[in-house]
C-alpha atoms as a PDB file:
ATOM      1  CA  MET A   1       0.000   0.000   0.000  1.00  0.00           C
ATOM      2  CA  LEU A   2       1.454   3.354  -1.049  1.00  0.00           C
ATOM      3  CA  LEU A   3       0.868   6.285   1.300  1.00  0.00           C
ATOM      4  CA  SER A   4       1.459   9.927   0.386  1.00  0.00           C
ATOM      5  CA  ASN A   5       0.835  13.201   2.158  1.00  0.00           C
ATOM      6  CA  VAL A   6       0.381  15.012  -1.186  1.00  0.00           C
ATOM      7  CA  GLU A   7      -2.312  14.719  -3.865  1.00  0.00           C
ATOM      8  CA  ILE A   8      -0.148  12.885  -6.387  1.00  0.00           C
ATOM      9  CA  LEU A   9       2.295  10.004  -6.522  1.00  0.00           C
ATOM     10  CA  PRO A  10       5.174  10.845  -8.865  1.00  0.00           C
ATOM     11  CA  GLY A  11       5.586   8.104 -11.449  1.00  0.00           C
ATOM     12  CA  TYR A  12       2.030   6.814 -10.957  1.00  0.00           C
ATOM     13  CA  THR A  13      -1.284   7.551 -12.644  1.00  0.00           C
ATOM     14  CA  ILE A  14      -4.426   7.711 -10.533  1.00  0.00           C
ATOM     15  CA  GLU A  15      -6.993   5.532 -12.283  1.00  0.00           C
ATOM     16  CA  LYS A  16      -9.806   5.670  -9.756  1.00  0.00           C
ATOM     17  CA  HIS A  17     -10.787   7.631  -6.636  1.00  0.00           C
ATOM     18  CA  LEU A  18     -12.482   5.446  -4.030  1.00  0.00           C
ATOM     19  CA  GLY A  19     -13.226   8.104  -1.437  1.00  0.00           C
ATOM     20  CA  LEU A  20     -12.258   8.970   2.093  1.00  0.00           C
ATOM     21  CA  VAL A  21     -10.714   6.336   4.342  1.00  0.00           C
ATOM     22  CA  GLN A  22      -9.813   6.749   7.977  1.00  0.00           C
ATOM     23  CA  GLY A  23      -8.457   4.942  10.980  1.00  0.00           C
ATOM     24  CA  SER A  24      -8.422   6.055  14.576  1.00  0.00           C
ATOM     25  CA  THR A  25      -7.477   4.979  18.052  1.00  0.00           C
ATOM     26  CA  VAL A  26      -8.259   6.391  21.471  1.00  0.00           C
ATOM     27  CA  ARG A  27      -5.561   6.007  24.084  1.00  0.00           C
ATOM     28  CA  ALA A  28      -5.455   6.852  27.767  1.00  0.00           C
ATOM     29  CA  LYS A  29      -2.436   7.982  29.723  1.00  0.00           C
ATOM     30  CA  HIS A  30      -0.741   5.500  32.031  1.00  0.00           C
ATOM     31  CA  PHE A  31      -0.375   6.373  35.730  1.00  0.00           C
ATOM     32  CA  GLY A  32       3.373   5.602  35.700  1.00  0.00           C
ATOM     33  CA  ARG A  33       3.881   7.777  32.629  1.00  0.00           C
ATOM     34  CA  ASP A  34       1.967  10.605  34.334  1.00  0.00           C
ATOM     35  CA  MET A  35       4.241  10.454  37.373  1.00  0.00           C
ATOM     36  CA  MET A  36       7.367  10.599  35.218  1.00  0.00           C
ATOM     37  CA  ALA A  37       5.864  13.411  33.133  1.00  0.00           C
ATOM     38  CA  GLY A  38       5.250  15.410  36.299  1.00  0.00           C
ATOM     39  CA  LEU A  39       8.893  15.035  37.286  1.00  0.00           C
ATOM     40  CA  LYS A  40      10.100  15.961  33.797  1.00  0.00           C
ATOM     41  CA  ASN A  41       7.919  19.077  33.861  1.00  0.00           C
ATOM     42  CA  MET A  42       9.885  20.268  36.872  1.00  0.00           C
ATOM     43  CA  ILE A  43      13.360  19.572  35.485  1.00  0.00           C
ATOM     44  CA  GLY A  44      12.706  19.702  31.735  1.00  0.00           C
ATOM     45  CA  GLY A  45      13.383  17.207  28.989  1.00  0.00           C
ATOM     46  CA  GLU A  46      11.536  14.918  26.608  1.00  0.00           C
ATOM     47  CA  LEU A  47       8.543  13.001  27.914  1.00  0.00           C
ATOM     48  CA  LYS A  48       9.628   9.682  26.388  1.00  0.00           C
ATOM     49  CA  GLY A  49       6.638   7.748  27.694  1.00  0.00           C
ATOM     50  CA  TYR A  50       4.275  10.118  25.882  1.00  0.00           C
ATOM     51  CA  THR A  51       6.434  10.088  22.758  1.00  0.00           C
ATOM     52  CA  GLU A  52       6.170   6.290  22.672  1.00  0.00           C
ATOM     53  CA  LEU A  53       2.409   6.467  23.267  1.00  0.00           C
ATOM     54  CA  LEU A  54       1.948   8.909  20.384  1.00  0.00           C
ATOM     55  CA  ASN A  55       4.109   6.827  18.038  1.00  0.00           C
ATOM     56  CA  GLU A  56       2.116   3.681  18.873  1.00  0.00           C
ATOM     57  CA  SER A  57      -1.145   5.574  18.373  1.00  0.00           C
ATOM     58  CA  ARG A  58      -0.117   6.977  14.974  1.00  0.00           C
ATOM     59  CA  GLU A  59       0.983   3.536  13.794  1.00  0.00           C
ATOM     60  CA  GLU A  60      -2.323   1.972  14.890  1.00  0.00           C
ATOM     61  CA  ALA A  61      -4.371   4.719  13.197  1.00  0.00           C
ATOM     62  CA  LEU A  62      -2.366   4.297   9.956  1.00  0.00           C
ATOM     63  CA  LYS A  63      -2.804   0.517  10.102  1.00  0.00           C
ATOM     64  CA  ARG A  64      -6.574   0.861  10.464  1.00  0.00           C
ATOM     65  CA  MET A  65      -6.753   3.415   7.643  1.00  0.00           C
ATOM     66  CA  THR A  66      -4.714   1.110   5.386  1.00  0.00           C
ATOM     67  CA  GLU A  67      -6.981  -1.835   6.202  1.00  0.00           C
ATOM     68  CA  GLN A  68     -10.032   0.234   5.275  1.00  0.00           C
ATOM     69  CA  ALA A  69      -8.374   1.293   2.008  1.00  0.00           C
ATOM     70  CA  LYS A  70      -7.596  -2.344   1.111  1.00  0.00           C
ATOM     71  CA  ALA A  71     -11.197  -3.302   1.893  1.00  0.00           C
ATOM     72  CA  VAL A  72     -12.495  -0.859  -0.757  1.00  0.00           C
ATOM     73  CA  GLY A  73      -9.955  -2.048  -3.360  1.00  0.00           C
ATOM     74  CA  ALA A  74      -7.318   0.702  -3.108  1.00  0.00           C
ATOM     75  CA  ASN A  75      -3.610   0.200  -3.627  1.00  0.00           C
ATOM     76  CA  ALA A  76      -2.688   3.710  -2.408  1.00  0.00           C
ATOM     77  CA  VAL A  77      -3.889   6.484  -0.117  1.00  0.00           C
ATOM     78  CA  ILE A  78      -3.088  10.064  -1.039  1.00  0.00           C
ATOM     79  CA  ASN A  79      -3.300  13.316   0.910  1.00  0.00           C
ATOM     80  CA  VAL A  80      -2.810  11.496   4.229  1.00  0.00           C
ATOM     81  CA  ARG A  81      -3.346  13.662   7.301  1.00  0.00           C
ATOM     82  CA  PHE A  82      -3.422  13.246  11.080  1.00  0.00           C
ATOM     83  CA  SER A  83      -5.738  14.886  13.568  1.00  0.00           C
ATOM     84  CA  THR A  84      -5.939  14.687  17.349  1.00  0.00           C
ATOM     85  CA  ALA A  85      -8.710  15.389  19.815  1.00  0.00           C
ATOM     86  CA  ASN A  86      -9.219  15.110  23.555  1.00  0.00           C
ATOM     87  CA  ILE A  87     -12.015  12.648  24.239  1.00  0.00           C
ATOM     88  CA  ALA A  88     -12.027  12.707  28.049  1.00  0.00           C
ATOM     89  CA  ALA A  89      -9.681  13.660  30.862  1.00  0.00           C
ATOM     90  CA  GLY A  90      -6.510  11.709  30.155  1.00  0.00           C
ATOM     91  CA  ALA A  91      -7.710  10.155  26.867  1.00  0.00           C
ATOM     92  CA  SER A  92      -7.026  11.349  23.320  1.00  0.00           C
ATOM     93  CA  GLU A  93      -7.949  10.232  19.824  1.00  0.00           C
ATOM     94  CA  ILE A  94      -5.536  10.138  16.918  1.00  0.00           C
ATOM     95  CA  LEU A  95      -7.173  10.021  13.498  1.00  0.00           C
ATOM     96  CA  ALA A  96      -5.414   9.233  10.221  1.00  0.00           C
ATOM     97  CA  TYR A  97      -7.346   9.965   7.036  1.00  0.00           C
ATOM     98  CA  GLY A  98      -6.824  10.310   3.318  1.00  0.00           C
ATOM     99  CA  THR A  99      -8.226   9.539  -0.133  1.00  0.00           C
ATOM    100  CA  ALA A 100      -8.192   5.919  -1.257  1.00  0.00           C
ATOM    101  CA  VAL A 101      -7.178   5.506  -4.885  1.00  0.00           C
ATOM    102  CA  VAL A 102      -6.194   2.903  -7.429  1.00  0.00           C
ATOM    103  CA  VAL A 103      -2.914   3.775  -9.139  1.00  0.00           C
ATOM    104  CA  ARG A 104      -0.791   2.229 -11.846  1.00  0.00           C
ATOM    105  CA  VAL A 105       2.864   2.751 -12.635  1.00  0.00           C
ATOM    106  CA  GLY A 106       3.460   5.256 -15.412  1.00  0.00           C
ATOM    107  CA  VAL A 107       2.125   8.614 -16.428  1.00  0.00           C
END
């Protein structure tokens, strides 16, 4: 599955647009990560626990978006974007979305 954050794929021709596809995940903070984040806020530095959580969340959202694209017959997703939203205290959603397309090699 080809993924692109722009509207085209150089070297490929878009044969068919299949519409919007998306994947999301909602994750809650972990108590241990919150404690470490509180300490880091006082002394400064990267919040590695949260960085890992965000990376895992983005990967899961992309995986779900890709699965949805495959289900509608796409072999690529163009104009891929991410969005985040707070769902509840301590829980956030990460959404990956884009346009599912069928592409072929060549112009």
